[in-house]
């Protein structure tokens, strides 16, 4: 079963993703443009898996999912 498609233009706007991208090598003065350019150089399925793992490992966003959805009623 394939994973659902990732809305990369929306994902690259998320601060957690921008932080991940910077840590992984995205460079430039404009964070959004740097992330977009960096994403274009990656293999999408591997990038999504890596980002999800990074997101969970960081543990900063306990009430959110990697795609920015808020988990209602969970802490």
PDB file of N, CA and C in Angstrom:
ATOM      1  N   UNK A   1       0.843  -1.185   0.000  1.00  0.00           N
ATOM      2  CA  UNK A   1       0.000   0.000   0.000  1.00  0.00           C
ATOM      3  C   UNK A   1       0.883   1.242   0.000  1.00  0.00           C
ATOM      4  N   UNK A   2       0.624   2.159  -0.892  1.00  0.00           N
ATOM      5  CA  UNK A   2       1.406   3.386  -0.989  1.00  0.00           C
ATOM      6  C   UNK A   2       0.941   4.412   0.032  1.00  0.00           C
ATOM      7  N   UNK A   3       1.875   5.231   0.496  1.00  0.00           N
ATOM      8  CA  UNK A   3       1.533   6.330   1.398  1.00  0.00           C
ATOM      9  C   UNK A   3       0.779   7.397   0.613  1.00  0.00           C
ATOM     10  N   UNK A   4      -0.087   8.155   1.277  1.00  0.00           N
ATOM     11  CA  UNK A   4      -0.796   9.212   0.572  1.00  0.00           C
ATOM     12  C   UNK A   4       0.184  10.261   0.073  1.00  0.00           C
ATOM     13  N   UNK A   5      -0.182  10.969  -0.990  1.00  0.00           N
ATOM     14  CA  UNK A   5       0.728  11.999  -1.505  1.00  0.00           C
ATOM     15  C   UNK A   5       0.953  13.103  -0.470  1.00  0.00           C
ATOM     16  N   UNK A   6       2.142  13.635  -0.479  1.00  0.00           N
ATOM     17  CA  UNK A   6       2.515  14.692   0.462  1.00  0.00           C
ATOM     18  C   UNK A   6       2.338  16.042  -0.235  1.00  0.00           C
ATOM     19  N   UNK A   7       1.700  16.968   0.451  1.00  0.00           N
ATOM     20  CA  UNK A   7       1.502  18.329  -0.063  1.00  0.00           C
ATOM     21  C   UNK A   7       2.759  19.143   0.273  1.00  0.00           C
ATOM     22  N   UNK A   8       3.820  18.947  -0.515  1.00  0.00           N
ATOM     23  CA  UNK A   8       5.104  19.583  -0.214  1.00  0.00           C
ATOM     24  C   UNK A   8       5.035  21.098  -0.125  1.00  0.00           C
ATOM     25  N   UNK A   9       4.301  21.797  -1.014  1.00  0.00           N
ATOM     26  CA  UNK A   9       4.238  23.260  -0.850  1.00  0.00           C
ATOM     27  C   UNK A   9       3.717  23.685   0.529  1.00  0.00           C
ATOM     28  N   UNK A  10       2.806  22.909   1.092  1.00  0.00           N
ATOM     29  CA  UNK A  10       2.305  23.228   2.436  1.00  0.00           C
ATOM     30  C   UNK A  10       3.288  22.781   3.505  1.00  0.00           C
ATOM     31  N   UNK A  11       3.873  21.607   3.334  1.00  0.00           N
ATOM     32  CA  UNK A  11       4.789  21.071   4.341  1.00  0.00           C
ATOM     33  C   UNK A  11       6.013  21.970   4.512  1.00  0.00           C
ATOM     34  N   UNK A  12       6.554  22.499   3.414  1.00  0.00           N
ATOM     35  CA  UNK A  12       7.763  23.319   3.540  1.00  0.00           C
ATOM     36  C   UNK A  12       7.508  24.630   4.273  1.00  0.00           C
ATOM     37  N   UNK A  13       6.250  25.002   4.459  1.00  0.00           N
ATOM     38  CA  UNK A  13       5.922  26.210   5.222  1.00  0.00           C
ATOM     39  C   UNK A  13       5.917  25.970   6.727  1.00  0.00           C
ATOM     40  N   UNK A  14       5.914  24.716   7.133  1.00  0.00           N
ATOM     41  CA  UNK A  14       5.854  24.388   8.558  1.00  0.00           C
ATOM     42  C   UNK A  14       7.208  24.598   9.230  1.00  0.00           C
ATOM     43  N   UNK A  15       7.222  25.307  10.361  1.00  0.00           N
ATOM     44  CA  UNK A  15       8.490  25.518  11.067  1.00  0.00           C
ATOM     45  C   UNK A  15       9.247  24.229  11.396  1.00  0.00           C
ATOM     46  N   UNK A  16       8.569  23.148  11.826  1.00  0.00           N
ATOM     47  CA  UNK A  16       9.345  21.929  12.084  1.00  0.00           C
ATOM     48  C   UNK A  16      10.045  21.409  10.830  1.00  0.00           C
ATOM     49  N   UNK A  17       9.364  21.457   9.683  1.00  0.00           N
ATOM     50  CA  UNK A  17      10.001  20.972   8.472  1.00  0.00           C
ATOM     51  C   UNK A  17      11.175  21.867   8.097  1.00  0.00           C
ATOM     52  N   UNK A  18      11.018  23.175   8.230  1.00  0.00           N
ATOM     53  CA  UNK A  18      12.116  24.082   7.911  1.00  0.00           C
ATOM     54  C   UNK A  18      13.317  23.818   8.811  1.00  0.00           C
ATOM     55  N   UNK A  19      13.051  23.524  10.073  1.00  0.00           N
ATOM     56  CA  UNK A  19      14.141  23.196  10.998  1.00  0.00           C
ATOM     57  C   UNK A  19      14.846  21.915  10.556  1.00  0.00           C
ATOM     58  N   UNK A  20      14.071  20.905  10.206  1.00  0.00           N
ATOM     59  CA  UNK A  20      14.633  19.645   9.730  1.00  0.00           C
ATOM     60  C   UNK A  20      15.467  19.869   8.472  1.00  0.00           C
ATOM     61  N   UNK A  21      14.914  20.606   7.526  1.00  0.00           N
ATOM     62  CA  UNK A  21      15.610  20.850   6.260  1.00  0.00           C
ATOM     63  C   UNK A  21      16.930  21.582   6.487  1.00  0.00           C
ATOM     64  N   UNK A  22      16.918  22.555   7.388  1.00  0.00           N
ATOM     65  CA  UNK A  22      18.167  23.278   7.694  1.00  0.00           C
ATOM     66  C   UNK A  22      19.194  22.338   8.303  1.00  0.00           C
ATOM     67  N   UNK A  23      18.745  21.499   9.216  1.00  0.00           N
ATOM     68  CA  UNK A  23      19.666  20.540   9.835  1.00  0.00           C
ATOM     69  C   UNK A  23      20.202  19.536   8.821  1.00  0.00           C
ATOM     70  N   UNK A  24      19.412  19.269   7.782  1.00  0.00           N
ATOM     71  CA  UNK A  24      19.789  18.278   6.777  1.00  0.00           C
ATOM     72  C   UNK A  24      20.524  18.892   5.581  1.00  0.00           C
ATOM     73  N   UNK A  25      20.655  20.214   5.541  1.00  0.00           N
ATOM     74  CA  UNK A  25      21.467  20.786   4.483  1.00  0.00           C
ATOM     75  C   UNK A  25      20.851  21.865   3.623  1.00  0.00           C
ATOM     76  N   UNK A  26      19.585  22.226   3.842  1.00  0.00           N
ATOM     77  CA  UNK A  26      18.978  23.316   3.058  1.00  0.00           C
ATOM     78  C   UNK A  26      19.690  24.614   3.420  1.00  0.00           C
ATOM     79  N   UNK A  27      20.086  25.358   2.410  1.00  0.00           N
ATOM     80  CA  UNK A  27      20.830  26.599   2.636  1.00  0.00           C
ATOM     81  C   UNK A  27      20.231  27.742   1.832  1.00  0.00           C
ATOM     82  N   UNK A  28      20.327  28.935   2.390  1.00  0.00           N
ATOM     83  CA  UNK A  28      19.854  30.138   1.719  1.00  0.00           C
ATOM     84  C   UNK A  28      19.300  31.121   2.733  1.00  0.00           C
ATOM     85  N   UNK A  29      19.185  32.377   2.328  1.00  0.00           N
ATOM     86  CA  UNK A  29      18.701  33.420   3.233  1.00  0.00           C
ATOM     87  C   UNK A  29      17.191  33.333   3.460  1.00  0.00           C
ATOM     88  N   UNK A  30      16.452  32.892   2.464  1.00  0.00           N
ATOM     89  CA  UNK A  30      15.006  32.762   2.565  1.00  0.00           C
ATOM     90  C   UNK A  30      14.696  31.302   2.890  1.00  0.00           C
ATOM     91  N   UNK A  31      14.198  31.060   4.103  1.00  0.00           N
ATOM     92  CA  UNK A  31      13.982  29.681   4.554  1.00  0.00           C
ATOM     93  C   UNK A  31      13.018  28.923   3.647  1.00  0.00           C
ATOM     94  N   UNK A  32      11.949  29.555   3.245  1.00  0.00           N
ATOM     95  CA  UNK A  32      10.971  28.874   2.403  1.00  0.00           C
ATOM     96  C   UNK A  32      11.575  28.489   1.060  1.00  0.00           C
ATOM     97  N   UNK A  33      12.249  29.408   0.413  1.00  0.00           N
ATOM     98  CA  UNK A  33      12.869  29.122  -0.885  1.00  0.00           C
ATOM     99  C   UNK A  33      13.978  28.078  -0.751  1.00  0.00           C
ATOM    100  N   UNK A  34      14.741  28.157   0.319  1.00  0.00           N
ATOM    101  CA  UNK A  34      15.804  27.172   0.545  1.00  0.00           C
ATOM    102  C   UNK A  34      15.209  25.781   0.716  1.00  0.00           C
ATOM    103  N   UNK A  35      14.114  25.683   1.458  1.00  0.00           N
ATOM    104  CA  UNK A  35      13.476  24.386   1.668  1.00  0.00           C
ATOM    105  C   UNK A  35      12.874  23.846   0.380  1.00  0.00           C
ATOM    106  N   UNK A  36      12.225  24.696  -0.391  1.00  0.00           N
ATOM    107  CA  UNK A  36      11.645  24.255  -1.658  1.00  0.00           C
ATOM    108  C   UNK A  36      12.724  23.713  -2.593  1.00  0.00           C
ATOM    109  N   UNK A  37      13.822  24.434  -2.694  1.00  0.00           N
ATOM    110  CA  UNK A  37      14.915  23.999  -3.560  1.00  0.00           C
ATOM    111  C   UNK A  37      15.500  22.680  -3.056  1.00  0.00           C
ATOM    112  N   UNK A  38      15.652  22.554  -1.767  1.00  0.00           N
ATOM    113  CA  UNK A  38      16.210  21.345  -1.174  1.00  0.00           C
ATOM    114  C   UNK A  38      15.291  20.152  -1.405  1.00  0.00           C
ATOM    115  N   UNK A  39      13.975  20.348  -1.226  1.00  0.00           N
ATOM    116  CA  UNK A  39      13.005  19.272  -1.430  1.00  0.00           C
ATOM    117  C   UNK A  39      13.072  18.754  -2.864  1.00  0.00           C
ATOM    118  N   UNK A  40      13.229  19.637  -3.810  1.00  0.00           N
ATOM    119  CA  UNK A  40      13.294  19.235  -5.225  1.00  0.00           C
ATOM    120  C   UNK A  40      14.478  18.314  -5.514  1.00  0.00           C
ATOM    121  N   UNK A  41      15.492  18.341  -4.663  1.00  0.00           N
ATOM    122  CA  UNK A  41      16.680  17.515  -4.862  1.00  0.00           C
ATOM    123  C   UNK A  41      16.575  16.147  -4.178  1.00  0.00           C
ATOM    124  N   UNK A  42      15.503  15.919  -3.443  1.00  0.00           N
ATOM    125  CA  UNK A  42      15.348  14.706  -2.652  1.00  0.00           C
ATOM    126  C   UNK A  42      14.382  13.729  -3.319  1.00  0.00           C
ATOM    127  N   UNK A  43      14.452  12.485  -2.898  1.00  0.00           N
ATOM    128  CA  UNK A  43      13.481  11.473  -3.320  1.00  0.00           C
ATOM    129  C   UNK A  43      12.310  11.582  -2.339  1.00  0.00           C
ATOM    130  N   UNK A  44      11.094  11.899  -2.820  1.00  0.00           N
ATOM    131  CA  UNK A  44       9.979  12.257  -1.942  1.00  0.00           C
ATOM    132  C   UNK A  44       9.625  11.233  -0.863  1.00  0.00           C
ATOM    133  N   UNK A  45       9.549   9.961  -1.194  1.00  0.00           N
ATOM    134  CA  UNK A  45       9.157   8.971  -0.186  1.00  0.00           C
ATOM    135  C   UNK A  45      10.216   8.843   0.905  1.00  0.00           C
ATOM    136  N   UNK A  46      11.478   8.855   0.508  1.00  0.00           N
ATOM    137  CA  UNK A  46      12.557   8.766   1.501  1.00  0.00           C
ATOM    138  C   UNK A  46      12.597  10.024   2.363  1.00  0.00           C
ATOM    139  N   UNK A  47      12.385  11.174   1.740  1.00  0.00           N
ATOM    140  CA  UNK A  47      12.389  12.430   2.478  1.00  0.00           C
ATOM    141  C   UNK A  47      11.271  12.452   3.502  1.00  0.00           C
ATOM    142  N   UNK A  48      10.069  12.034   3.096  1.00  0.00           N
ATOM    143  CA  UNK A  48       8.940  12.030   4.033  1.00  0.00           C
ATOM    144  C   UNK A  48       9.228  11.091   5.210  1.00  0.00           C
ATOM    145  N   UNK A  49       9.741   9.918   4.942  1.00  0.00           N
ATOM    146  CA  UNK A  49      10.058   8.966   6.010  1.00  0.00           C
ATOM    147  C   UNK A  49      11.121   9.538   6.949  1.00  0.00           C
ATOM    148  N   UNK A  50      12.147  10.157   6.384  1.00  0.00           N
ATOM    149  CA  UNK A  50      13.217  10.752   7.192  1.00  0.00           C
ATOM    150  C   UNK A  50      12.668  11.884   8.053  1.00  0.00           C
ATOM    151  N   UNK A  51      11.842  12.739   7.455  1.00  0.00           N
ATOM    152  CA  UNK A  51      11.261  13.858   8.199  1.00  0.00           C
ATOM    153  C   UNK A  51      10.375  13.348   9.338  1.00  0.00           C
ATOM    154  N   UNK A  52       9.540  12.352   9.081  1.00  0.00           N
ATOM    155  CA  UNK A  52       8.660  11.812  10.129  1.00  0.00           C
ATOM    156  C   UNK A  52       9.478  11.245  11.285  1.00  0.00           C
ATOM    157  N   UNK A  53      10.558  10.545  10.957  1.00  0.00           N
ATOM    158  CA  UNK A  53      11.439  10.006  11.996  1.00  0.00           C
ATOM    159  C   UNK A  53      12.100  11.134  12.778  1.00  0.00           C
ATOM    160  N   UNK A  54      12.607  12.136  12.067  1.00  0.00           N
ATOM    161  CA  UNK A  54      13.233  13.293  12.710  1.00  0.00           C
ATOM    162  C   UNK A  54      12.232  13.983  13.631  1.00  0.00           C
ATOM    163  N   UNK A  55      11.013  14.191  13.142  1.00  0.00           N
ATOM    164  CA  UNK A  55       9.950  14.869  13.889  1.00  0.00           C
ATOM    165  C   UNK A  55       9.671  14.137  15.208  1.00  0.00           C
ATOM    166  N   UNK A  56       9.509  12.838  15.124  1.00  0.00           N
ATOM    167  CA  UNK A  56       9.219  12.044  16.324  1.00  0.00           C
ATOM    168  C   UNK A  56      10.403  12.054  17.282  1.00  0.00           C
ATOM    169  N   UNK A  57      11.607  11.972  16.745  1.00  0.00           N
ATOM    170  CA  UNK A  57      12.813  11.957  17.586  1.00  0.00           C
ATOM    171  C   UNK A  57      12.971  13.277  18.343  1.00  0.00           C
ATOM    172  N   UNK A  58      12.688  14.400  17.685  1.00  0.00           N
ATOM    173  CA  UNK A  58      12.815  15.701  18.344  1.00  0.00           C
ATOM    174  C   UNK A  58      11.871  15.802  19.529  1.00  0.00           C
ATOM    175  N   UNK A  59      10.623  15.373  19.360  1.00  0.00           N
ATOM    176  CA  UNK A  59       9.664  15.378  20.449  1.00  0.00           C
ATOM    177  C   UNK A  59       9.166  16.741  20.877  1.00  0.00           C
ATOM    178  N   UNK A  60       9.413  17.780  20.098  1.00  0.00           N
ATOM    179  CA  UNK A  60       9.013  19.136  20.472  1.00  0.00           C
ATOM    180  C   UNK A  60       7.522  19.394  20.270  1.00  0.00           C
ATOM    181  N   UNK A  61       6.906  18.696  19.359  1.00  0.00           N
ATOM    182  CA  UNK A  61       5.536  19.002  18.935  1.00  0.00           C
ATOM    183  C   UNK A  61       4.623  17.839  19.290  1.00  0.00           C
ATOM    184  N   UNK A  62       4.405  17.637  20.569  1.00  0.00           N
ATOM    185  CA  UNK A  62       3.670  16.470  21.050  1.00  0.00           C
ATOM    186  C   UNK A  62       2.197  16.498  20.653  1.00  0.00           C
ATOM    187  N   UNK A  63       1.635  17.648  20.395  1.00  0.00           N
ATOM    188  CA  UNK A  63       0.219  17.754  20.033  1.00  0.00           C
ATOM    189  C   UNK A  63       0.020  17.957  18.541  1.00  0.00           C
ATOM    190  N   UNK A  64       1.040  17.656  17.739  1.00  0.00           N
ATOM    191  CA  UNK A  64       0.936  17.827  16.289  1.00  0.00           C
ATOM    192  C   UNK A  64       1.455  16.588  15.578  1.00  0.00           C
ATOM    193  N   UNK A  65       1.029  16.459  14.336  1.00  0.00           N
ATOM    194  CA  UNK A  65       1.550  15.415  13.458  1.00  0.00           C
ATOM    195  C   UNK A  65       2.609  16.055  12.565  1.00  0.00           C
ATOM    196  N   UNK A  66       3.441  15.276  11.903  1.00  0.00           N
ATOM    197  CA  UNK A  66       4.464  15.850  11.019  1.00  0.00           C
ATOM    198  C   UNK A  66       3.889  16.757   9.926  1.00  0.00           C
ATOM    199  N   UNK A  67       2.635  16.502   9.525  1.00  0.00           N
ATOM    200  CA  UNK A  67       2.048  17.349   8.484  1.00  0.00           C
ATOM    201  C   UNK A  67       1.306  18.561   9.040  1.00  0.00           C
ATOM    202  N   UNK A  68       1.493  18.828  10.345  1.00  0.00           N
ATOM    203  CA  UNK A  68       0.970  20.052  10.946  1.00  0.00           C
ATOM    204  C   UNK A  68      -0.428  19.965  11.526  1.00  0.00           C
ATOM    205  N   UNK A  69      -1.034  18.787  11.471  1.00  0.00           N
ATOM    206  CA  UNK A  69      -2.366  18.660  12.057  1.00  0.00           C
ATOM    207  C   UNK A  69      -2.249  18.627  13.580  1.00  0.00           C
ATOM    208  N   UNK A  70      -3.211  19.282  14.243  1.00  0.00           N
ATOM    209  CA  UNK A  70      -3.238  19.316  15.700  1.00  0.00           C
ATOM    210  C   UNK A  70      -4.007  18.107  16.193  1.00  0.00           C
ATOM    211  N   UNK A  71      -3.432  17.408  17.164  1.00  0.00           N
ATOM    212  CA  UNK A  71      -4.088  16.261  17.780  1.00  0.00           C
ATOM    213  C   UNK A  71      -4.986  16.778  18.894  1.00  0.00           C
ATOM    214  N   UNK A  72      -6.276  16.688  18.704  1.00  0.00           N
ATOM    215  CA  UNK A  72      -7.246  17.210  19.662  1.00  0.00           C
ATOM    216  C   UNK A  72      -7.435  16.198  20.777  1.00  0.00           C
ATOM    217  N   UNK A  73      -7.367  16.683  22.009  1.00  0.00           N
ATOM    218  CA  UNK A  73      -7.629  15.835  23.153  1.00  0.00           C
ATOM    219  C   UNK A  73      -6.477  14.941  23.551  1.00  0.00           C
ATOM    220  N   UNK A  74      -5.316  15.086  22.925  1.00  0.00           N
ATOM    221  CA  UNK A  74      -4.160  14.266  23.285  1.00  0.00           C
ATOM    222  C   UNK A  74      -3.033  15.162  23.791  1.00  0.00           C
ATOM    223  N   UNK A  75      -2.275  14.637  24.705  1.00  0.00           N
ATOM    224  CA  UNK A  75      -1.131  15.386  25.224  1.00  0.00           C
ATOM    225  C   UNK A  75       0.114  14.577  25.025  1.00  0.00           C
TER     226      UNK A  75
END
